[in-house]
Amino acid sequence: RGDAEPAAKAPGKPVDTPTTALKSPAAKKPQVDQPTTMLKVGGKAKPAPAEQEAERTSKFVALKPDLKGPSARVEETRAVPQVGPERTTQQPLPPKPPLDLLAELTNTPPPPETPVRTLVRRVKIWTPLVILLVVVLGVVQAMRALPQPTLALTAKDSYTFQGGKPDIPWPADGQAALDVQGIGSFGSSGSGKPVPIASVAKVMTAYLILRDHPLKSGAEGPKISIDKAAQDQSKAGQESTVDVTQGDKITQREALEGVLIASANNVARLLARWDAGSEKAFVAKMNAAAKGLGMSGTTYTDPSGLTNSTVSTAADQVKLAKAAMQQPVFREVAAMMSYTDYKGTYHSNWNQLVGHNNVVGIKTGTTTSALGNLVFAAKQDVGGETRMVIGAVLRQPPGGRENTILSAALDHSDALIRAAQGALKSETVLKKGTVVGYVDDGLGGRTPVEVTEDVKAAGWAGLKVRLSFTSGTIPHTAKAGTEVGSLTLGDGSSAGAVKVPVALRADLAEPGLGAKLTRIG
């Protein structure tokens, strides 16, 4: 036959129909089993040639009716609008958020953002960081060095002796000052203005020589050569001197005896040249030392005090005397009633009070322009302790038992000494075992401390003495009874002040972990 008719449609199978619908070139054509039209040729059945290839290819079913003419061409070339960013192989799309990716995979949309979910997410993120920070801070706080423990006073910081103030016989003329070393001052009289002090200036000369060339108790010290100036001045006869010869040598101690006992001006100047190279350089040292001791009303212009331009006050000279009397050799020489020089000449102490009524010094000074002056020191036993009365009288006119400027200074000084000695008494301020303060560990811990013996103070009626703590390095831990410092009564000076040890009443322990962790600063 000619063209074979297509085989009858298989029931339930779609029929492929020619179409002009666009086909994706990359689309694969699925194989669809179709009935094959068989031709009978020469008694044998063969498939029709036309359908052998055509039927092996699947076709898209047109979703729209076939278009003819121009409309079909427009439909075929119409651009498809782009949705979203342009997709290229060179510029990949940015990654989507994890929740969006999870939603695509699970086909579950991300939950809507709410304040609660935002808070929960932040808590989950920051909680581990905060915990780590707290742990680090805790370790740092626990490992930090502990503050140094300190002593704090809880007892009253002063004590006033009972009774009315004593009557002090102040001189009517000039000026005076009276103290008890380490305890306090009776006060002063007069204007307090700087006045010439004559040979009282030699107290500073002797003080500086011993400060810069210290001697042990009883020692003679180095030899000092006598120069021509010292020899010539000793022959002048117009001032207080000691006879010396150029080329001879005297010990440092003998030179000090000549200055403090015989009041030798030539030896004072000799010591100045020996120490500083010149009298001018030594005078500069004198003024510097005065400033260091708080002697604001004092000016030195020569080592001997002979010039009227060397001026001071009674209160300033008491400050100097208290410092000088702390040197052993100064005390030894000032307390001598006399001495014999290297040539065998005997010299009596101009301070005739020495050796009587426990008077142990210190120095006289008299000229017609400066009048009578004396700086004095005397001892007094009070409550089993030795106290030192120190004072000064300046610019005393002729009077006293001999009606001279020297006797006037001596007599007024003697009256002041006896008044101070009579007024001194001892009182028990605190009993042994009294809690007077605590050790502060610096982190809130307080361990009480107590005095280890009765606290007895020397003073006079109406005197107010100060109480204060002194301590060294206090340990962080210690057993009860360990001494951690001392309670000081008085003006705080190293000489004469009462110092009683204080000890822990309970064990001193390191601060606990809680205190270490919560400390600030």
Protein backbone atom coordinates (compact mmCIF):
# COMPACT_ATOMS: atom_id res chain seq x y z
CA ARG A 1 0.00 0.00 0.00
CA GLY A 2 0.77 3.66 0.01
CA ASP A 3 1.08 5.55 3.35
CA ALA A 4 0.04 3.40 6.24
CA GLU A 5 -2.68 4.65 8.55
CA PRO A 6 -1.67 5.30 12.12
CA ALA A 7 -2.36 2.57 14.52
CA ALA A 8 -5.45 2.71 16.58
CA LYS A 9 -5.12 4.66 19.83
CA ALA A 10 -4.33 2.65 22.81
CA PRO A 11 -6.92 3.13 25.43
CA GLY A 12 -5.84 5.41 28.36
CA LYS A 13 -2.71 6.73 26.60
CA PRO A 14 -2.28 10.33 25.44
CA VAL A 15 -1.94 10.99 21.81
CA ASP A 16 1.03 13.00 20.66
CA THR A 17 -0.02 15.85 18.45
CA PRO A 18 2.34 17.97 16.40
CA THR A 19 2.79 21.42 18.05
CA THR A 20 4.75 24.59 17.64
CA ALA A 21 5.32 24.96 21.42
CA LEU A 22 8.86 25.94 22.47
CA LYS A 23 10.96 23.09 23.65
CA SER A 24 13.93 23.41 25.96
CA PRO A 25 16.98 22.24 24.06
CA ALA A 26 18.32 20.75 27.24
CA ALA A 27 15.15 18.83 27.98
CA LYS A 28 15.40 15.09 27.69
CA LYS A 29 12.80 13.21 25.71
CA PRO A 30 11.40 10.37 27.69
CA GLN A 31 10.83 7.17 25.91
CA VAL A 32 7.14 6.40 25.63
CA ASP A 33 6.01 2.98 24.52
CA GLN A 34 3.52 3.41 21.64
CA PRO A 35 1.68 0.76 19.56
CA THR A 36 3.48 0.14 16.32
CA THR A 37 1.60 -0.11 12.98
CA MET A 38 2.64 -3.31 11.30
CA LEU A 39 2.69 -3.81 7.47
CA LYS A 40 2.29 -7.14 5.97
CA VAL A 41 4.79 -7.65 3.18
CA GLY A 42 5.38 -10.99 1.67
CA GLY A 43 3.58 -12.64 4.47
CA LYS A 44 5.76 -10.99 7.17
CA ALA A 45 4.75 -8.11 9.39
CA LYS A 46 7.14 -5.08 9.54
CA PRO A 47 6.76 -1.70 11.28
CA ALA A 48 5.81 1.25 9.18
CA PRO A 49 8.90 3.30 8.37
CA ALA A 50 7.30 6.68 8.97
CA GLU A 51 6.47 5.92 12.57
CA GLN A 52 9.61 4.14 13.51
CA GLU A 53 11.47 7.43 14.31
CA ALA A 54 8.55 9.71 14.94
CA GLU A 55 6.99 7.62 17.61
CA ARG A 56 10.24 7.21 19.51
CA THR A 57 10.33 10.92 20.40
CA SER A 58 7.99 12.38 23.04
CA LYS A 59 6.39 15.75 22.40
CA PHE A 60 5.19 18.56 24.79
CA VAL A 61 1.51 19.03 24.93
CA ALA A 62 0.75 22.59 23.93
CA LEU A 63 -0.51 24.68 26.84
CA LYS A 64 -1.73 27.36 24.45
CA PRO A 65 -3.38 27.09 21.05
CA ASP A 66 -1.10 27.15 18.09
CA LEU A 67 -0.48 30.59 16.76
CA LYS A 68 0.03 31.34 13.16
CA GLY A 69 1.70 34.21 11.57
CA PRO A 70 3.25 37.26 13.34
CA SER A 71 1.65 36.52 16.69
CA ALA A 72 3.45 33.25 16.88
CA ARG A 73 6.79 34.91 16.23
CA VAL A 74 6.18 37.55 18.90
CA GLU A 75 5.27 34.89 21.42
CA GLU A 76 8.39 32.95 20.63
CA THR A 77 10.75 35.94 21.16
CA ARG A 78 9.06 37.64 24.12
CA ALA A 79 11.55 38.34 27.01
CA VAL A 80 10.85 36.74 30.34
CA PRO A 81 10.97 39.32 33.18
CA GLN A 82 13.82 38.78 35.63
CA VAL A 83 12.91 38.14 39.26
CA GLY A 84 15.52 38.85 41.94
CA PRO A 85 19.21 39.62 41.30
CA GLU A 86 20.81 38.77 38.01
CA ARG A 87 22.24 35.30 38.09
CA THR A 88 25.65 34.91 36.56
CA THR A 89 28.36 32.38 36.95
CA GLN A 90 30.86 35.13 37.79
CA GLN A 91 28.74 36.75 40.59
CA PRO A 92 27.09 34.17 42.90
CA LEU A 93 24.19 35.16 45.02
CA PRO A 94 24.96 36.07 48.66
CA PRO A 95 24.24 33.26 51.12
CA LYS A 96 20.86 33.23 52.64
CA PRO A 97 20.37 33.44 56.41
CA PRO A 98 20.47 30.05 58.15
CA LEU A 99 16.80 30.18 59.08
CA ASP A 100 15.84 30.86 55.45
CA LEU A 101 17.97 27.96 54.23
CA LEU A 102 16.45 25.72 56.87
CA ALA A 103 13.01 26.87 55.80
CA GLU A 104 13.78 25.96 52.18
CA LEU A 105 15.01 22.52 53.19
CA THR A 106 12.16 21.80 55.57
CA ASN A 107 9.62 23.84 53.67
CA THR A 108 9.03 25.65 57.03
CA PRO A 109 9.03 29.44 56.99
CA PRO A 110 11.30 31.18 59.64
CA PRO A 111 9.45 32.27 62.76
CA PRO A 112 8.51 35.93 62.86
CA GLU A 113 10.90 38.24 64.83
CA THR A 114 9.52 39.34 68.21
CA PRO A 115 11.03 41.23 71.16
CA VAL A 116 10.94 38.07 73.28
CA ARG A 117 12.79 35.99 70.66
CA THR A 118 15.36 38.80 70.29
CA LEU A 119 15.90 38.88 74.04
CA VAL A 120 16.25 35.10 74.28
CA ARG A 121 18.78 35.08 71.45
CA ARG A 122 20.85 37.81 73.13
CA VAL A 123 20.73 35.99 76.46
CA LYS A 124 22.01 32.82 74.81
CA ILE A 125 24.87 34.74 73.19
CA TRP A 126 25.97 36.90 76.16
CA THR A 127 25.44 34.54 79.09
CA PRO A 128 28.56 32.40 78.44
CA LEU A 129 30.66 35.53 77.95
CA VAL A 130 29.43 37.04 81.20
CA ILE A 131 30.12 33.79 83.08
CA LEU A 132 33.65 33.67 81.66
CA LEU A 133 34.27 37.27 82.64
CA VAL A 134 33.04 36.66 86.18
CA VAL A 135 35.35 33.66 86.53
CA VAL A 136 38.36 35.63 85.29
CA LEU A 137 37.61 38.55 87.64
CA GLY A 138 37.19 36.17 90.55
CA VAL A 139 40.60 34.59 89.92
CA VAL A 140 42.23 38.01 89.61
CA GLN A 141 40.63 39.26 92.84
CA ALA A 142 41.65 36.13 94.74
CA MET A 143 45.27 36.34 93.53
CA ARG A 144 45.80 40.08 94.14
CA ALA A 145 48.25 41.15 96.85
CA LEU A 146 46.64 41.94 100.17
CA PRO A 147 46.76 45.51 101.49
CA GLN A 148 49.21 46.27 104.29
CA PRO A 149 47.51 46.08 107.72
CA THR A 150 47.55 49.29 109.77
CA LEU A 151 47.03 50.33 113.38
CA ALA A 152 44.06 52.52 114.25
CA LEU A 153 43.53 54.23 117.60
CA THR A 154 40.15 53.88 119.32
CA ALA A 155 41.14 55.29 122.71
CA LYS A 156 41.06 59.04 123.27
CA ASP A 157 43.90 60.73 121.44
CA SER A 158 44.81 62.94 124.40
CA TYR A 159 44.95 62.96 128.16
CA THR A 160 44.69 66.02 130.41
CA PHE A 161 46.25 66.06 133.88
CA GLN A 162 43.89 67.08 136.63
CA GLY A 163 44.25 70.32 138.60
CA GLY A 164 45.01 73.94 137.94
CA LYS A 165 48.00 75.11 135.96
CA PRO A 166 51.19 75.66 137.95
CA ASP A 167 52.49 79.14 138.72
CA ILE A 168 55.67 79.68 136.68
CA PRO A 169 57.96 82.53 137.86
CA TRP A 170 58.64 84.12 134.50
CA PRO A 171 61.27 86.90 134.51
CA ALA A 172 59.90 90.42 134.31
CA ASP A 173 62.39 91.49 131.63
CA GLY A 174 63.63 89.96 128.43
CA GLN A 175 62.12 86.65 127.34
CA ALA A 176 62.08 83.03 128.49
CA ALA A 177 60.81 79.60 127.47
CA LEU A 178 60.43 76.36 129.47
CA ASP A 179 59.88 72.78 128.24
CA VAL A 180 60.15 69.19 129.45
CA GLN A 181 61.73 67.08 126.74
CA GLY A 182 59.35 64.55 125.25
CA ILE A 183 56.33 65.80 127.24
CA GLY A 184 55.45 69.38 126.35
CA SER A 185 55.95 73.05 127.05
CA PHE A 186 55.15 75.19 130.07
CA GLY A 187 55.00 78.16 127.71
CA SER A 188 57.07 81.30 127.27
CA SER A 189 57.26 84.94 128.28
CA GLY A 190 58.33 88.19 126.67
CA SER A 191 57.94 89.53 123.15
CA GLY A 192 59.56 86.60 121.40
CA LYS A 193 61.38 88.90 118.98
CA PRO A 194 64.93 88.00 117.86
CA VAL A 195 67.62 89.52 120.13
CA PRO A 196 71.43 89.22 120.38
CA ILE A 197 72.42 86.01 122.18
CA ALA A 198 76.19 86.44 122.65
CA SER A 199 78.04 83.18 123.45
CA VAL A 200 74.81 81.16 123.51
CA ALA A 201 75.53 80.90 119.76
CA LYS A 202 78.28 78.39 120.65
CA VAL A 203 75.57 75.79 121.33
CA MET A 204 74.98 75.62 117.56
CA THR A 205 78.76 75.50 116.91
CA ALA A 206 79.22 72.49 119.21
CA TYR A 207 76.06 70.82 117.88
CA LEU A 208 77.25 71.00 114.27
CA ILE A 209 80.77 69.77 115.10
CA LEU A 210 79.33 66.68 116.80
CA ARG A 211 76.67 66.16 114.14
CA ASP A 212 79.23 66.11 111.34
CA HIS A 213 82.11 64.61 113.38
CA PRO A 214 80.33 62.34 115.89
CA LEU A 215 82.20 60.94 118.89
CA LYS A 216 81.45 57.95 121.03
CA SER A 217 80.85 58.50 124.71
CA GLY A 218 84.20 59.26 126.44
CA ALA A 219 86.15 59.48 123.15
CA GLU A 220 88.71 62.25 122.57
CA GLY A 221 88.37 62.41 118.78
CA PRO A 222 90.92 63.54 116.17
CA LYS A 223 93.71 66.04 116.73
CA ILE A 224 93.17 69.61 115.55
CA SER A 225 96.15 71.82 114.68
CA ILE A 226 96.27 75.31 116.17
CA ASP A 227 96.61 77.94 113.42
CA LYS A 228 98.05 81.46 113.64
CA ALA A 229 94.61 83.09 113.84
CA ALA A 230 93.66 81.07 116.94
CA GLN A 231 96.99 81.97 118.57
CA ASP A 232 96.74 85.68 117.77
CA GLN A 233 93.15 85.91 119.05
CA SER A 234 94.14 84.25 122.33
CA LYS A 235 96.65 87.07 122.97
CA ALA A 236 94.24 89.93 122.23
CA GLY A 237 92.75 89.98 125.74
CA GLN A 238 89.55 91.77 124.65
CA GLU A 239 87.28 88.73 124.63
CA SER A 240 86.84 85.32 126.21
CA THR A 241 89.59 83.02 124.90
CA VAL A 242 91.86 80.09 125.78
CA ASP A 243 95.63 80.39 125.43
CA VAL A 244 96.86 78.25 122.52
CA THR A 245 100.06 78.19 120.46
CA GLN A 246 100.37 77.84 116.69
CA GLY A 247 101.52 74.35 115.69
CA ASP A 248 100.18 72.71 118.85
CA LYS A 249 97.37 70.20 118.62
CA ILE A 250 94.30 69.67 120.75
CA THR A 251 91.69 66.92 120.56
CA GLN A 252 88.19 67.51 119.28
CA ARG A 253 86.83 66.86 122.77
CA GLU A 254 89.15 69.44 124.37
CA ALA A 255 88.09 71.97 121.74
CA LEU A 256 84.45 71.35 122.67
CA GLU A 257 85.32 71.79 126.37
CA GLY A 258 86.97 75.12 125.55
CA VAL A 259 83.83 76.23 123.67
CA LEU A 260 81.12 75.10 126.14
CA ILE A 261 82.90 75.54 129.49
CA ALA A 262 85.48 78.32 129.02
CA SER A 263 83.41 79.97 126.24
CA ALA A 264 86.56 80.49 124.16
CA ASN A 265 85.79 82.55 121.05
CA ASN A 266 89.13 81.74 119.39
CA VAL A 267 88.52 77.97 119.74
CA ALA A 268 84.97 78.32 118.32
CA ARG A 269 86.38 80.02 115.22
CA LEU A 270 89.16 77.40 115.00
CA LEU A 271 86.56 74.61 114.96
CA ALA A 272 84.61 76.44 112.22
CA ARG A 273 87.68 76.65 109.97
CA TRP A 274 88.58 73.02 110.71
CA ASP A 275 85.10 71.80 109.81
CA ALA A 276 84.11 73.96 106.81
CA GLY A 277 87.38 75.49 105.60
CA SER A 278 86.32 79.02 106.51
CA GLU A 279 84.23 80.82 109.09
CA LYS A 280 81.90 82.10 106.36
CA ALA A 281 81.18 78.58 105.10
CA PHE A 282 80.55 77.38 108.65
CA VAL A 283 78.12 80.24 109.33
CA ALA A 284 76.15 79.14 106.25
CA LYS A 285 75.92 75.66 107.78
CA MET A 286 74.74 77.17 111.07
CA ASN A 287 71.87 78.98 109.38
CA ALA A 288 70.92 75.91 107.35
CA ALA A 289 70.80 73.79 110.51
CA ALA A 290 68.68 76.42 112.26
CA LYS A 291 66.21 76.34 109.41
CA GLY A 292 66.09 72.53 109.56
CA LEU A 293 65.25 72.66 113.28
CA GLY A 294 62.44 75.15 112.73
CA MET A 295 64.31 78.08 114.33
CA SER A 296 62.52 80.71 112.27
CA GLY A 297 63.62 83.64 114.46
CA THR A 298 67.33 82.85 114.39
CA THR A 299 70.19 84.30 112.30
CA TYR A 300 73.87 83.45 112.79
CA THR A 301 76.68 85.71 111.53
CA ASP A 302 79.69 84.24 113.37
CA PRO A 303 80.60 80.98 115.15
CA SER A 304 81.23 82.63 118.54
CA GLY A 305 78.21 84.93 118.88
CA LEU A 306 80.34 87.97 119.66
CA THR A 307 78.66 90.08 116.97
CA ASN A 308 75.30 91.67 117.79
CA SER A 309 73.97 90.58 114.39
CA THR A 310 73.75 86.99 115.66
CA VAL A 311 70.19 86.93 117.01
CA SER A 312 67.63 84.38 118.18
CA THR A 313 64.65 83.81 120.50
CA ALA A 314 64.23 81.87 123.72
CA ALA A 315 61.83 79.41 122.05
CA ASP A 316 64.30 78.78 119.19
CA GLN A 317 67.16 78.13 121.60
CA VAL A 318 65.03 75.55 123.44
CA LYS A 319 64.49 73.72 120.13
CA LEU A 320 68.25 73.66 119.53
CA ALA A 321 69.07 72.59 123.11
CA LYS A 322 66.66 69.64 122.89
CA ALA A 323 68.40 68.46 119.70
CA ALA A 324 71.92 68.99 121.10
CA MET A 325 71.17 67.12 124.35
CA GLN A 326 70.45 63.97 122.37
CA GLN A 327 74.18 63.69 121.54
CA PRO A 328 76.06 61.78 124.29
CA VAL A 329 79.32 63.75 124.13
CA PHE A 330 77.48 67.08 124.14
CA ARG A 331 75.68 66.03 127.35
CA GLU A 332 78.96 64.88 128.91
CA VAL A 333 80.81 68.13 128.18
CA ALA A 334 77.90 70.45 129.06
CA ALA A 335 77.57 68.80 132.49
CA MET A 336 81.24 69.40 133.41
CA MET A 337 81.81 71.96 136.19
CA SER A 338 85.35 72.64 134.94
CA TYR A 339 88.19 71.36 132.79
CA THR A 340 91.99 71.73 132.50
CA ASP A 341 93.40 72.54 129.07
CA TYR A 342 96.45 70.94 127.41
CA LYS A 343 98.71 73.62 128.91
CA GLY A 344 97.48 72.80 132.43
CA THR A 345 95.28 75.86 132.85
CA TYR A 346 92.12 75.30 134.92
CA HIS A 347 88.83 76.66 133.58
CA SER A 348 85.62 76.85 135.59
CA ASN A 349 82.22 76.53 133.93
CA TRP A 350 80.60 79.94 133.53
CA ASN A 351 77.25 78.25 134.17
CA GLN A 352 77.51 78.07 137.95
CA LEU A 353 74.20 76.17 138.23
CA VAL A 354 75.84 73.03 136.84
CA GLY A 355 76.36 70.42 139.50
CA HIS A 356 73.58 71.74 141.73
CA ASN A 357 69.91 70.74 141.85
CA ASN A 358 70.44 68.22 139.03
CA VAL A 359 71.43 70.97 136.55
CA VAL A 360 73.40 69.45 133.65
CA GLY A 361 74.12 72.42 131.35
CA ILE A 362 74.09 74.10 128.96
CA LYS A 363 75.63 77.49 128.01
CA THR A 364 75.88 81.08 129.16
CA GLY A 365 76.23 84.18 126.99
CA THR A 366 76.91 87.70 128.22
CA THR A 367 77.94 90.98 126.62
CA THR A 368 77.16 94.59 127.49
CA SER A 369 74.87 94.81 124.45
CA ALA A 370 73.26 91.33 124.62
CA LEU A 371 72.98 91.44 128.47
CA GLY A 372 72.60 88.17 130.41
CA ASN A 373 71.59 84.95 128.60
CA LEU A 374 71.48 81.28 129.56
CA VAL A 375 70.26 78.06 127.99
CA PHE A 376 69.86 75.42 130.72
CA ALA A 377 69.03 71.75 131.29
CA ALA A 378 68.16 69.89 134.50
CA LYS A 379 67.01 66.38 135.35
CA GLN A 380 64.02 65.28 137.41
CA ASP A 381 62.89 61.76 138.35
CA VAL A 382 59.14 61.29 137.85
CA GLY A 383 57.41 57.96 138.39
CA GLY A 384 60.66 56.05 138.08
CA GLU A 385 61.60 57.84 134.84
CA THR A 386 64.18 60.61 134.38
CA ARG A 387 62.81 63.72 132.68
CA MET A 388 64.84 66.58 131.23
CA VAL A 389 63.78 70.16 131.91
CA ILE A 390 65.11 72.48 129.19
CA GLY A 391 64.72 76.25 129.01
CA ALA A 392 66.25 79.58 128.09
CA VAL A 393 66.31 83.13 129.40
CA LEU A 394 67.51 85.97 127.17
CA ARG A 395 68.41 89.64 127.60
CA GLN A 396 68.36 89.84 131.37
CA PRO A 397 69.45 93.19 132.85
CA PRO A 398 71.73 93.36 135.90
CA GLY A 399 70.17 91.77 138.96
CA GLY A 400 70.22 88.62 140.99
CA ARG A 401 72.37 87.94 144.01
CA GLU A 402 75.38 89.70 142.53
CA ASN A 403 73.50 92.39 140.63
CA THR A 404 75.16 91.48 137.35
CA ILE A 405 73.79 90.41 133.99
CA LEU A 406 75.23 86.90 134.48
CA SER A 407 73.79 86.45 137.97
CA ALA A 408 70.44 87.74 136.77
CA ALA A 409 70.35 85.10 134.03
CA LEU A 410 71.46 82.39 136.46
CA ASP A 411 68.95 83.31 139.17
CA HIS A 412 65.96 83.54 136.82
CA SER A 413 66.92 80.23 135.25
CA ASP A 414 67.25 78.56 138.65
CA ALA A 415 63.74 79.72 139.60
CA LEU A 416 62.30 78.32 136.38
CA ILE A 417 64.07 74.99 136.85
CA ARG A 418 62.79 74.53 140.39
CA ALA A 419 59.24 75.43 139.39
CA ALA A 420 59.25 72.88 136.58
CA GLN A 421 60.76 70.17 138.77
CA GLY A 422 58.14 70.77 141.45
CA ALA A 423 55.23 70.73 139.03
CA LEU A 424 56.14 67.41 137.40
CA LYS A 425 54.12 64.38 138.50
CA SER A 426 53.17 60.95 137.18
CA GLU A 427 49.67 59.61 136.54
CA THR A 428 48.37 56.29 135.20
CA VAL A 429 46.60 57.00 131.95
CA LEU A 430 45.66 53.44 130.93
CA LYS A 431 45.70 50.12 132.76
CA LYS A 432 47.43 47.04 131.41
CA GLY A 433 45.16 45.06 129.07
CA THR A 434 43.06 48.05 128.01
CA VAL A 435 41.99 47.86 124.36
CA VAL A 436 43.30 50.99 122.70
CA GLY A 437 42.76 50.24 119.01
CA TYR A 438 42.75 47.58 116.33
CA VAL A 439 44.64 46.23 113.38
CA ASP A 440 42.80 46.99 110.15
CA ASP A 441 43.55 44.39 107.47
CA GLY A 442 42.41 46.80 104.74
CA LEU A 443 39.41 44.67 103.71
CA GLY A 444 37.08 45.27 106.62
CA GLY A 445 38.67 42.94 109.17
CA ARG A 446 39.54 44.41 112.57
CA THR A 447 41.57 42.71 115.30
CA PRO A 448 41.70 44.51 118.69
CA VAL A 449 45.03 45.47 120.29
CA GLU A 450 45.77 46.16 123.97
CA VAL A 451 48.55 47.77 126.01
CA THR A 452 50.92 45.23 127.57
CA GLU A 453 51.61 47.31 130.69
CA ASP A 454 50.27 50.25 132.64
CA VAL A 455 50.60 53.50 130.72
CA LYS A 456 52.03 56.15 133.04
CA ALA A 457 52.53 59.70 131.88
CA ALA A 458 54.63 62.46 133.39
CA GLY A 459 53.28 65.97 133.28
CA TRP A 460 51.79 68.77 135.33
CA ALA A 461 48.32 70.00 136.18
CA GLY A 462 46.42 71.23 133.15
CA LEU A 463 48.84 69.66 130.65
CA LYS A 464 47.26 67.85 127.71
CA VAL A 465 49.44 65.06 126.33
CA ARG A 466 48.86 63.47 122.95
CA LEU A 467 48.39 59.73 122.39
CA SER A 468 49.37 58.18 119.09
CA PHE A 469 50.35 54.84 117.54
CA THR A 470 53.70 53.98 116.08
CA SER A 471 54.27 50.69 114.29
CA GLY A 472 56.55 48.86 111.95
CA THR A 473 55.43 46.35 109.32
CA ILE A 474 52.40 44.47 110.61
CA PRO A 475 52.06 40.85 109.38
CA HIS A 476 48.92 39.52 107.67
CA THR A 477 48.66 36.69 110.20
CA ALA A 478 49.84 36.52 113.80
CA LYS A 479 48.97 34.88 117.09
CA ALA A 480 47.29 36.66 119.97
CA GLY A 481 49.87 38.42 122.14
CA THR A 482 52.11 39.40 119.23
CA GLU A 483 53.44 42.96 119.60
CA VAL A 484 52.44 45.05 116.59
CA GLY A 485 53.49 48.55 117.65
CA SER A 486 53.53 50.97 120.55
CA LEU A 487 51.38 53.66 122.09
CA THR A 488 53.24 56.96 122.41
CA LEU A 489 52.40 59.69 124.91
CA GLY A 490 53.92 63.15 124.68
CA ASP A 491 55.22 65.41 121.95
CA GLY A 492 56.51 62.46 119.90
CA SER A 493 60.22 63.29 120.22
CA SER A 494 62.56 60.36 120.58
CA ALA A 495 63.84 61.59 123.96
CA GLY A 496 61.49 61.56 126.92
CA ALA A 497 58.29 60.43 125.21
CA VAL A 498 56.47 57.50 126.86
CA LYS A 499 56.18 54.43 124.62
CA VAL A 500 54.25 51.33 125.70
CA PRO A 501 54.04 48.17 123.53
CA VAL A 502 50.65 47.13 122.14
CA ALA A 503 49.81 43.52 121.27
CA LEU A 504 47.05 41.56 119.55
CA ARG A 505 44.22 40.51 121.85
CA ALA A 506 43.06 37.84 119.37
CA ASP A 507 44.62 35.97 116.46
CA LEU A 508 45.16 38.03 113.35
CA ALA A 509 43.94 36.15 110.25
CA GLU A 510 44.01 36.89 106.55
CA PRO A 511 40.81 38.23 104.97
CA GLY A 512 38.35 35.57 103.78
CA LEU A 513 37.64 34.70 100.15
CA GLY A 514 34.45 36.74 100.15
CA ALA A 515 36.32 39.86 101.25
CA LYS A 516 38.98 39.26 98.61
CA LEU A 517 36.43 38.83 95.82
CA THR A 518 34.33 41.86 96.73
CA ARG A 519 37.13 44.35 97.43
CA ILE A 520 37.26 47.53 95.41
CA GLY A 521 40.38 49.50 94.61
